[in-house]
Amino acid sequence: MNTAEPDLIKEKLKSFLAGLSGKRKVSDSIRLIDEEIIDSLNFVQLIIFIESEFKITLKPLDIHIEDFSDVSTLSDFIARKMLRRGGAKR
């Protein structure tokens, strides 16, 4: 994926999180930790998915729990990282 398209990022995240959590559907605003969509083990799987799917590297200092609060916030975080890496085109 070469572009930071927010809607496409959200759809890929929701699909992955639905499979990870066993939920049928994950909304943009569902609280990922509070609603138990992700736990500590799933969090690691989510990081691996994000790095692989969106071709970005997340260093430990890049990871702030508030960026993982819901799909919309996480999508914005990913889009920013993609733009910073210089590979995203508009």
PDB file of N, CA and C in Angstrom:
ATOM      1  N   MET A   1       0.856  -1.180   0.000  1.00  0.00           N
ATOM      2  CA  MET A   1       0.000   0.000   0.000  1.00  0.00           C
ATOM      3  C   MET A   1       0.893   1.231   0.000  1.00  0.00           C
ATOM      4  N   ASN A   2       0.743   2.050  -1.016  1.00  0.00           N
ATOM      5  CA  ASN A   2       1.627   3.203  -1.167  1.00  0.00           C
ATOM      6  C   ASN A   2       0.990   4.524  -0.798  1.00  0.00           C
ATOM      7  N   THR A   3      -0.281   4.554  -0.586  1.00  0.00           N
ATOM      8  CA  THR A   3      -0.931   5.831  -0.306  1.00  0.00           C
ATOM      9  C   THR A   3      -1.546   5.839   1.079  1.00  0.00           C
ATOM     10  N   ALA A   4      -1.628   7.028   1.625  1.00  0.00           N
ATOM     11  CA  ALA A   4      -2.216   7.194   2.956  1.00  0.00           C
ATOM     12  C   ALA A   4      -3.695   7.552   2.788  1.00  0.00           C
ATOM     13  N   GLU A   5      -4.488   6.632   2.299  1.00  0.00           N
ATOM     14  CA  GLU A   5      -5.914   6.842   2.094  1.00  0.00           C
ATOM     15  C   GLU A   5      -6.655   6.421   3.361  1.00  0.00           C
ATOM     16  N   PRO A   6      -7.188   7.390   4.103  1.00  0.00           N
ATOM     17  CA  PRO A   6      -7.811   7.076   5.394  1.00  0.00           C
ATOM     18  C   PRO A   6      -8.912   6.018   5.331  1.00  0.00           C
ATOM     19  N   ASP A   7      -9.777   6.077   4.323  1.00  0.00           N
ATOM     20  CA  ASP A   7     -10.864   5.094   4.252  1.00  0.00           C
ATOM     21  C   ASP A   7     -10.350   3.688   4.007  1.00  0.00           C
ATOM     22  N   LEU A   8      -9.353   3.561   3.151  1.00  0.00           N
ATOM     23  CA  LEU A   8      -8.773   2.251   2.873  1.00  0.00           C
ATOM     24  C   LEU A   8      -8.043   1.713   4.106  1.00  0.00           C
ATOM     25  N   ILE A   9      -7.329   2.581   4.789  1.00  0.00           N
ATOM     26  CA  ILE A   9      -6.650   2.180   6.022  1.00  0.00           C
ATOM     27  C   ILE A   9      -7.676   1.680   7.037  1.00  0.00           C
ATOM     28  N   LYS A  10      -8.767   2.421   7.226  1.00  0.00           N
ATOM     29  CA  LYS A  10      -9.813   2.024   8.177  1.00  0.00           C
ATOM     30  C   LYS A  10     -10.402   0.668   7.827  1.00  0.00           C
ATOM     31  N   GLU A  11     -10.699   0.445   6.556  1.00  0.00           N
ATOM     32  CA  GLU A  11     -11.300  -0.826   6.150  1.00  0.00           C
ATOM     33  C   GLU A  11     -10.367  -1.999   6.404  1.00  0.00           C
ATOM     34  N   LYS A  12      -9.088  -1.827   6.097  1.00  0.00           N
ATOM     35  CA  LYS A  12      -8.119  -2.893   6.351  1.00  0.00           C
ATOM     36  C   LYS A  12      -7.985  -3.172   7.854  1.00  0.00           C
ATOM     37  N   LEU A  13      -7.958  -2.104   8.656  1.00  0.00           N
ATOM     38  CA  LEU A  13      -7.879  -2.268  10.104  1.00  0.00           C
ATOM     39  C   LEU A  13      -9.114  -2.984  10.647  1.00  0.00           C
ATOM     40  N   LYS A  14     -10.295  -2.546  10.209  1.00  0.00           N
ATOM     41  CA  LYS A  14     -11.534  -3.147  10.723  1.00  0.00           C
ATOM     42  C   LYS A  14     -11.627  -4.622  10.358  1.00  0.00           C
ATOM     43  N   SER A  15     -11.229  -4.958   9.165  1.00  0.00           N
ATOM     44  CA  SER A  15     -11.242  -6.358   8.750  1.00  0.00           C
ATOM     45  C   SER A  15     -10.288  -7.192   9.608  1.00  0.00           C
ATOM     46  N   PHE A  16      -9.067  -6.694   9.797  1.00  0.00           N
ATOM     47  CA  PHE A  16      -8.094  -7.417  10.615  1.00  0.00           C
ATOM     48  C   PHE A  16      -8.576  -7.549  12.062  1.00  0.00           C
ATOM     49  N   LEU A  17      -9.063  -6.465  12.628  1.00  0.00           N
ATOM     50  CA  LEU A  17      -9.507  -6.479  14.028  1.00  0.00           C
ATOM     51  C   LEU A  17     -10.725  -7.362  14.234  1.00  0.00           C
ATOM     52  N   ALA A  18     -11.610  -7.420  13.259  1.00  0.00           N
ATOM     53  CA  ALA A  18     -12.775  -8.306  13.361  1.00  0.00           C
ATOM     54  C   ALA A  18     -12.314  -9.758  13.426  1.00  0.00           C
ATOM     55  N   GLY A  19     -11.377 -10.122  12.573  1.00  0.00           N
ATOM     56  CA  GLY A  19     -10.844 -11.484  12.601  1.00  0.00           C
ATOM     57  C   GLY A  19     -10.076 -11.786  13.865  1.00  0.00           C
ATOM     58  N   LEU A  20      -9.328 -10.826  14.325  1.00  0.00           N
ATOM     59  CA  LEU A  20      -8.521 -10.992  15.535  1.00  0.00           C
ATOM     60  C   LEU A  20      -9.393 -11.183  16.771  1.00  0.00           C
ATOM     61  N   SER A  21     -10.471 -10.430  16.834  1.00  0.00           N
ATOM     62  CA  SER A  21     -11.309 -10.440  18.035  1.00  0.00           C
ATOM     63  C   SER A  21     -12.483 -11.412  17.947  1.00  0.00           C
ATOM     64  N   GLY A  22     -12.765 -11.905  16.746  1.00  0.00           N
ATOM     65  CA  GLY A  22     -13.918 -12.781  16.576  1.00  0.00           C
ATOM     66  C   GLY A  22     -15.230 -12.019  16.480  1.00  0.00           C
ATOM     67  N   LYS A  23     -15.151 -10.703  16.384  1.00  0.00           N
ATOM     68  CA  LYS A  23     -16.353  -9.875  16.242  1.00  0.00           C
ATOM     69  C   LYS A  23     -16.760  -9.878  14.777  1.00  0.00           C
ATOM     70  N   ARG A  24     -18.041  -9.764  14.562  1.00  0.00           N
ATOM     71  CA  ARG A  24     -18.541  -9.715  13.201  1.00  0.00           C
ATOM     72  C   ARG A  24     -18.176  -8.419  12.499  1.00  0.00           C
ATOM     73  N   LYS A  25     -18.321  -7.332  13.234  1.00  0.00           N
ATOM     74  CA  LYS A  25     -18.073  -6.022  12.663  1.00  0.00           C
ATOM     75  C   LYS A  25     -17.422  -5.133  13.713  1.00  0.00           C
ATOM     76  N   VAL A  26     -16.461  -4.361  13.283  1.00  0.00           N
ATOM     77  CA  VAL A  26     -15.777  -3.405  14.148  1.00  0.00           C
ATOM     78  C   VAL A  26     -16.038  -2.016  13.569  1.00  0.00           C
ATOM     79  N   SER A  27     -16.569  -1.121  14.374  1.00  0.00           N
ATOM     80  CA  SER A  27     -16.875   0.231  13.904  1.00  0.00           C
ATOM     81  C   SER A  27     -15.667   1.143  14.062  1.00  0.00           C
ATOM     82  N   ASP A  28     -15.742   2.305  13.416  1.00  0.00           N
ATOM     83  CA  ASP A  28     -14.654   3.286  13.489  1.00  0.00           C
ATOM     84  C   ASP A  28     -14.414   3.781  14.905  1.00  0.00           C
ATOM     85  N   SER A  29     -15.464   3.843  15.696  1.00  0.00           N
ATOM     86  CA  SER A  29     -15.362   4.480  17.016  1.00  0.00           C
ATOM     87  C   SER A  29     -15.328   3.505  18.191  1.00  0.00           C
ATOM     88  N   ILE A  30     -15.364   2.206  17.931  1.00  0.00           N
ATOM     89  CA  ILE A  30     -15.338   1.250  19.047  1.00  0.00           C
ATOM     90  C   ILE A  30     -14.007   1.376  19.792  1.00  0.00           C
ATOM     91  N   ARG A  31     -14.084   1.382  21.101  1.00  0.00           N
ATOM     92  CA  ARG A  31     -12.894   1.514  21.943  1.00  0.00           C
ATOM     93  C   ARG A  31     -12.153   0.177  21.941  1.00  0.00           C
ATOM     94  N   LEU A  32     -10.998   0.140  21.303  1.00  0.00           N
ATOM     95  CA  LEU A  32     -10.304  -1.122  21.040  1.00  0.00           C
ATOM     96  C   LEU A  32      -9.879  -1.859  22.305  1.00  0.00           C
ATOM     97  N   ILE A  33      -9.426  -1.139  23.295  1.00  0.00           N
ATOM     98  CA  ILE A  33      -8.985  -1.790  24.537  1.00  0.00           C
ATOM     99  C   ILE A  33     -10.154  -1.934  25.497  1.00  0.00           C
ATOM    100  N   ASP A  34     -10.918  -0.877  25.678  1.00  0.00           N
ATOM    101  CA  ASP A  34     -12.045  -0.904  26.616  1.00  0.00           C
ATOM    102  C   ASP A  34     -13.092  -1.952  26.238  1.00  0.00           C
ATOM    103  N   GLU A  35     -13.298  -2.149  24.940  1.00  0.00           N
ATOM    104  CA  GLU A  35     -14.291  -3.120  24.460  1.00  0.00           C
ATOM    105  C   GLU A  35     -13.672  -4.496  24.232  1.00  0.00           C
ATOM    106  N   GLU A  36     -12.419  -4.652  24.657  1.00  0.00           N
ATOM    107  CA  GLU A  36     -11.694  -5.919  24.568  1.00  0.00           C
ATOM    108  C   GLU A  36     -11.548  -6.435  23.143  1.00  0.00           C
ATOM    109  N   ILE A  37     -11.402  -5.503  22.190  1.00  0.00           N
ATOM    110  CA  ILE A  37     -11.099  -5.897  20.822  1.00  0.00           C
ATOM    111  C   ILE A  37      -9.645  -6.356  20.758  1.00  0.00           C
ATOM    112  N   ILE A  38      -8.772  -5.665  21.497  1.00  0.00           N
ATOM    113  CA  ILE A  38      -7.376  -6.091  21.578  1.00  0.00           C
ATOM    114  C   ILE A  38      -6.953  -6.209  23.032  1.00  0.00           C
ATOM    115  N   ASP A  39      -6.107  -7.195  23.282  1.00  0.00           N
ATOM    116  CA  ASP A  39      -5.479  -7.357  24.590  1.00  0.00           C
ATOM    117  C   ASP A  39      -3.966  -7.315  24.353  1.00  0.00           C
ATOM    118  N   SER A  40      -3.193  -7.641  25.339  1.00  0.00           N
ATOM    119  CA  SER A  40      -1.737  -7.490  25.200  1.00  0.00           C
ATOM    120  C   SER A  40      -1.159  -8.383  24.095  1.00  0.00           C
ATOM    121  N   LEU A  41      -1.638  -9.595  23.956  1.00  0.00           N
ATOM    122  CA  LEU A  41      -1.138 -10.478  22.903  1.00  0.00           C
ATOM    123  C   LEU A  41      -1.597  -9.999  21.532  1.00  0.00           C
ATOM    124  N   ASN A  42      -2.869  -9.645  21.434  1.00  0.00           N
ATOM    125  CA  ASN A  42      -3.396  -9.140  20.174  1.00  0.00           C
ATOM    126  C   ASN A  42      -2.737  -7.825  19.772  1.00  0.00           C
ATOM    127  N   PHE A  43      -2.318  -7.052  20.752  1.00  0.00           N
ATOM    128  CA  PHE A  43      -1.654  -5.789  20.467  1.00  0.00           C
ATOM    129  C   PHE A  43      -0.369  -6.025  19.673  1.00  0.00           C
ATOM    130  N   VAL A  44       0.376  -7.047  20.064  1.00  0.00           N
ATOM    131  CA  VAL A  44       1.602  -7.393  19.343  1.00  0.00           C
ATOM    132  C   VAL A  44       1.254  -7.824  17.915  1.00  0.00           C
ATOM    133  N   GLN A  45       0.217  -8.627  17.762  1.00  0.00           N
ATOM    134  CA  GLN A  45      -0.209  -9.052  16.427  1.00  0.00           C
ATOM    135  C   GLN A  45      -0.653  -7.853  15.587  1.00  0.00           C
ATOM    136  N   LEU A  46      -1.315  -6.906  16.206  1.00  0.00           N
ATOM    137  CA  LEU A  46      -1.752  -5.699  15.510  1.00  0.00           C
ATOM    138  C   LEU A  46      -0.551  -4.888  15.030  1.00  0.00           C
ATOM    139  N   ILE A  47       0.466  -4.741  15.852  1.00  0.00           N
ATOM    140  CA  ILE A  47       1.677  -4.009  15.470  1.00  0.00           C
ATOM    141  C   ILE A  47       2.330  -4.689  14.261  1.00  0.00           C
ATOM    142  N   ILE A  48       2.436  -5.999  14.303  1.00  0.00           N
ATOM    143  CA  ILE A  48       3.031  -6.745  13.186  1.00  0.00           C
ATOM    144  C   ILE A  48       2.214  -6.547  11.914  1.00  0.00           C
ATOM    145  N   PHE A  49       0.893  -6.610  12.038  1.00  0.00           N
ATOM    146  CA  PHE A  49       0.010  -6.384  10.890  1.00  0.00           C
ATOM    147  C   PHE A  49       0.213  -4.980  10.313  1.00  0.00           C
ATOM    148  N   ILE A  50       0.217  -3.977  11.157  1.00  0.00           N
ATOM    149  CA  ILE A  50       0.369  -2.589  10.703  1.00  0.00           C
ATOM    150  C   ILE A  50       1.688  -2.410   9.962  1.00  0.00           C
ATOM    151  N   GLU A  51       2.772  -2.921  10.527  1.00  0.00           N
ATOM    152  CA  GLU A  51       4.081  -2.772   9.881  1.00  0.00           C
ATOM    153  C   GLU A  51       4.114  -3.478   8.524  1.00  0.00           C
ATOM    154  N   SER A  52       3.536  -4.650   8.465  1.00  0.00           N
ATOM    155  CA  SER A  52       3.538  -5.427   7.229  1.00  0.00           C
ATOM    156  C   SER A  52       2.593  -4.849   6.180  1.00  0.00           C
ATOM    157  N   GLU A  53       1.381  -4.574   6.574  1.00  0.00           N
ATOM    158  CA  GLU A  53       0.350  -4.123   5.636  1.00  0.00           C
ATOM    159  C   GLU A  53       0.602  -2.721   5.099  1.00  0.00           C
ATOM    160  N   PHE A  54       1.072  -1.828   5.960  1.00  0.00           N
ATOM    161  CA  PHE A  54       1.212  -0.427   5.582  1.00  0.00           C
ATOM    162  C   PHE A  54       2.658  -0.020   5.331  1.00  0.00           C
ATOM    163  N   LYS A  55       3.569  -0.994   5.401  1.00  0.00           N
ATOM    164  CA  LYS A  55       4.981  -0.771   5.091  1.00  0.00           C
ATOM    165  C   LYS A  55       5.593   0.374   5.896  1.00  0.00           C
ATOM    166  N   ILE A  56       5.307   0.358   7.197  1.00  0.00           N
ATOM    167  CA  ILE A  56       5.896   1.341   8.103  1.00  0.00           C
ATOM    168  C   ILE A  56       6.589   0.602   9.234  1.00  0.00           C
ATOM    169  N   THR A  57       7.507   1.268   9.893  1.00  0.00           N
ATOM    170  CA  THR A  57       8.187   0.704  11.051  1.00  0.00           C
ATOM    171  C   THR A  57       7.741   1.469  12.284  1.00  0.00           C
ATOM    172  N   LEU A  58       7.309   0.728  13.285  1.00  0.00           N
ATOM    173  CA  LEU A  58       6.894   1.342  14.551  1.00  0.00           C
ATOM    174  C   LEU A  58       7.958   1.048  15.601  1.00  0.00           C
ATOM    175  N   LYS A  59       8.652   2.072  15.990  1.00  0.00           N
ATOM    176  CA  LYS A  59       9.646   1.935  17.051  1.00  0.00           C
ATOM    177  C   LYS A  59       8.929   2.054  18.389  1.00  0.00           C
ATOM    178  N   PRO A  60       9.491   1.472  19.441  1.00  0.00           N
ATOM    179  CA  PRO A  60       8.832   1.554  20.754  1.00  0.00           C
ATOM    180  C   PRO A  60       8.454   2.969  21.171  1.00  0.00           C
ATOM    181  N   LEU A  61       9.293   3.948  20.846  1.00  0.00           N
ATOM    182  CA  LEU A  61       8.983   5.330  21.230  1.00  0.00           C
ATOM    183  C   LEU A  61       7.861   5.937  20.387  1.00  0.00           C
ATOM    184  N   ASP A  62       7.530   5.297  19.251  1.00  0.00           N
ATOM    185  CA  ASP A  62       6.432   5.759  18.392  1.00  0.00           C
ATOM    186  C   ASP A  62       5.072   5.349  18.935  1.00  0.00           C
ATOM    187  N   ILE A  63       5.061   4.347  19.782  1.00  0.00           N
ATOM    188  CA  ILE A  63       3.807   3.723  20.202  1.00  0.00           C
ATOM    189  C   ILE A  63       3.282   4.387  21.470  1.00  0.00           C
ATOM    190  N   HIS A  64       2.135   5.034  21.310  1.00  0.00           N
ATOM    191  CA  HIS A  64       1.440   5.669  22.423  1.00  0.00           C
ATOM    192  C   HIS A  64       0.036   5.087  22.471  1.00  0.00           C
ATOM    193  N   ILE A  65      -0.376   4.620  23.612  1.00  0.00           N
ATOM    194  CA  ILE A  65      -1.645   3.910  23.747  1.00  0.00           C
ATOM    195  C   ILE A  65      -2.824   4.736  23.240  1.00  0.00           C
ATOM    196  N   GLU A  66      -2.750   6.060  23.371  1.00  0.00           N
ATOM    197  CA  GLU A  66      -3.867   6.893  22.904  1.00  0.00           C
ATOM    198  C   GLU A  66      -4.035   6.820  21.388  1.00  0.00           C
ATOM    199  N   ASP A  67      -2.978   6.494  20.642  1.00  0.00           N
ATOM    200  CA  ASP A  67      -3.097   6.334  19.193  1.00  0.00           C
ATOM    201  C   ASP A  67      -3.843   5.057  18.811  1.00  0.00           C
ATOM    202  N   PHE A  68      -4.024   4.169  19.776  1.00  0.00           N
ATOM    203  CA  PHE A  68      -4.687   2.890  19.545  1.00  0.00           C
ATOM    204  C   PHE A  68      -6.059   2.837  20.214  1.00  0.00           C
ATOM    205  N   SER A  69      -6.630   3.991  20.487  1.00  0.00           N
ATOM    206  CA  SER A  69      -7.895   4.031  21.226  1.00  0.00           C
ATOM    207  C   SER A  69      -9.074   3.524  20.402  1.00  0.00           C
ATOM    208  N   ASP A  70      -9.124   3.860  19.123  1.00  0.00           N
ATOM    209  CA  ASP A  70     -10.205   3.396  18.250  1.00  0.00           C
ATOM    210  C   ASP A  70      -9.685   3.351  16.813  1.00  0.00           C
ATOM    211  N   VAL A  71     -10.482   2.815  15.908  1.00  0.00           N
ATOM    212  CA  VAL A  71     -10.046   2.632  14.527  1.00  0.00           C
ATOM    213  C   VAL A  71      -9.734   3.974  13.863  1.00  0.00           C
ATOM    214  N   SER A  72     -10.561   4.967  14.079  1.00  0.00           N
ATOM    215  CA  SER A  72     -10.333   6.272  13.447  1.00  0.00           C
ATOM    216  C   SER A  72      -9.013   6.892  13.892  1.00  0.00           C
ATOM    217  N   THR A  73      -8.748   6.874  15.177  1.00  0.00           N
ATOM    218  CA  THR A  73      -7.506   7.434  15.705  1.00  0.00           C
ATOM    219  C   THR A  73      -6.302   6.644  15.212  1.00  0.00           C
ATOM    220  N   LEU A  74      -6.414   5.336  15.207  1.00  0.00           N
ATOM    221  CA  LEU A  74      -5.327   4.483  14.730  1.00  0.00           C
ATOM    222  C   LEU A  74      -5.084   4.707  13.240  1.00  0.00           C
ATOM    223  N   SER A  75      -6.132   4.849  12.483  1.00  0.00           N
ATOM    224  CA  SER A  75      -6.012   5.121  11.051  1.00  0.00           C
ATOM    225  C   SER A  75      -5.276   6.441  10.798  1.00  0.00           C
ATOM    226  N   ASP A  76      -5.607   7.458  11.556  1.00  0.00           N
ATOM    227  CA  ASP A  76      -4.925   8.749  11.433  1.00  0.00           C
ATOM    228  C   ASP A  76      -3.441   8.617  11.768  1.00  0.00           C
ATOM    229  N   PHE A  77      -3.141   7.860  12.817  1.00  0.00           N
ATOM    230  CA  PHE A  77      -1.752   7.612  13.223  1.00  0.00           C
ATOM    231  C   PHE A  77      -0.977   6.931  12.085  1.00  0.00           C
ATOM    232  N   ILE A  78      -1.573   5.911  11.488  1.00  0.00           N
ATOM    233  CA  ILE A  78      -0.923   5.189  10.399  1.00  0.00           C
ATOM    234  C   ILE A  78      -0.705   6.103   9.196  1.00  0.00           C
ATOM    235  N   ALA A  79      -1.726   6.886   8.859  1.00  0.00           N
ATOM    236  CA  ALA A  79      -1.601   7.809   7.724  1.00  0.00           C
ATOM    237  C   ALA A  79      -0.460   8.801   7.949  1.00  0.00           C
ATOM    238  N   ARG A  80      -0.344   9.320   9.159  1.00  0.00           N
ATOM    239  CA  ARG A  80       0.755  10.248   9.473  1.00  0.00           C
ATOM    240  C   ARG A  80       2.110   9.564   9.314  1.00  0.00           C
ATOM    241  N   LYS A  81       2.211   8.334   9.805  1.00  0.00           N
ATOM    242  CA  LYS A  81       3.474   7.587   9.680  1.00  0.00           C
ATOM    243  C   LYS A  81       3.806   7.332   8.217  1.00  0.00           C
ATOM    244  N   MET A  82       2.809   7.015   7.417  1.00  0.00           N
ATOM    245  CA  MET A  82       3.037   6.759   5.995  1.00  0.00           C
ATOM    246  C   MET A  82       3.511   8.027   5.287  1.00  0.00           C
ATOM    247  N   LEU A  83       2.934   9.151   5.627  1.00  0.00           N
ATOM    248  CA  LEU A  83       3.342  10.416   5.016  1.00  0.00           C
ATOM    249  C   LEU A  83       4.760  10.794   5.423  1.00  0.00           C
ATOM    250  N   ARG A  84       5.113  10.528   6.670  1.00  0.00           N
ATOM    251  CA  ARG A  84       6.464  10.859   7.169  1.00  0.00           C
ATOM    252  C   ARG A  84       7.541  10.008   6.522  1.00  0.00           C
ATOM    253  N   ARG A  85       7.200   8.773   6.197  1.00  0.00           N
ATOM    254  CA  ARG A  85       8.227   7.904   5.628  1.00  0.00           C
ATOM    255  C   ARG A  85       8.566   8.301   4.209  1.00  0.00           C
ATOM    256  N   GLY A  86       7.719   9.163   3.607  1.00  0.00           N
ATOM    257  CA  GLY A  86       8.013   9.678   2.288  1.00  0.00           C
ATOM    258  C   GLY A  86       7.510   8.807   1.153  1.00  0.00           C
ATOM    259  N   GLY A  87       6.895   7.667   1.482  1.00  0.00           N
ATOM    260  CA  GLY A  87       6.415   6.774   0.429  1.00  0.00           C
ATOM    261  C   GLY A  87       4.979   7.028   0.034  1.00  0.00           C
ATOM    262  N   ALA A  88       4.270   7.822   0.798  1.00  0.00           N
ATOM    263  CA  ALA A  88       2.871   8.070   0.481  1.00  0.00           C
ATOM    264  C   ALA A  88       2.758   9.162  -0.580  1.00  0.00           C
ATOM    265  N   LYS A  89       1.870   8.923  -1.526  1.00  0.00           N
ATOM    266  CA  LYS A  89       1.657   9.882  -2.598  1.00  0.00           C
ATOM    267  C   LYS A  89       0.233  10.378  -2.556  1.00  0.00           C
ATOM    268  N   ARG A  90       0.055  11.614  -2.878  1.00  0.00           N
ATOM    269  CA  ARG A  90      -1.293  12.188  -2.910  1.00  0.00           C
ATOM    270  C   ARG A  90      -1.725  12.388  -4.309  1.00  0.00           C
TER     271      ARG A  90
END
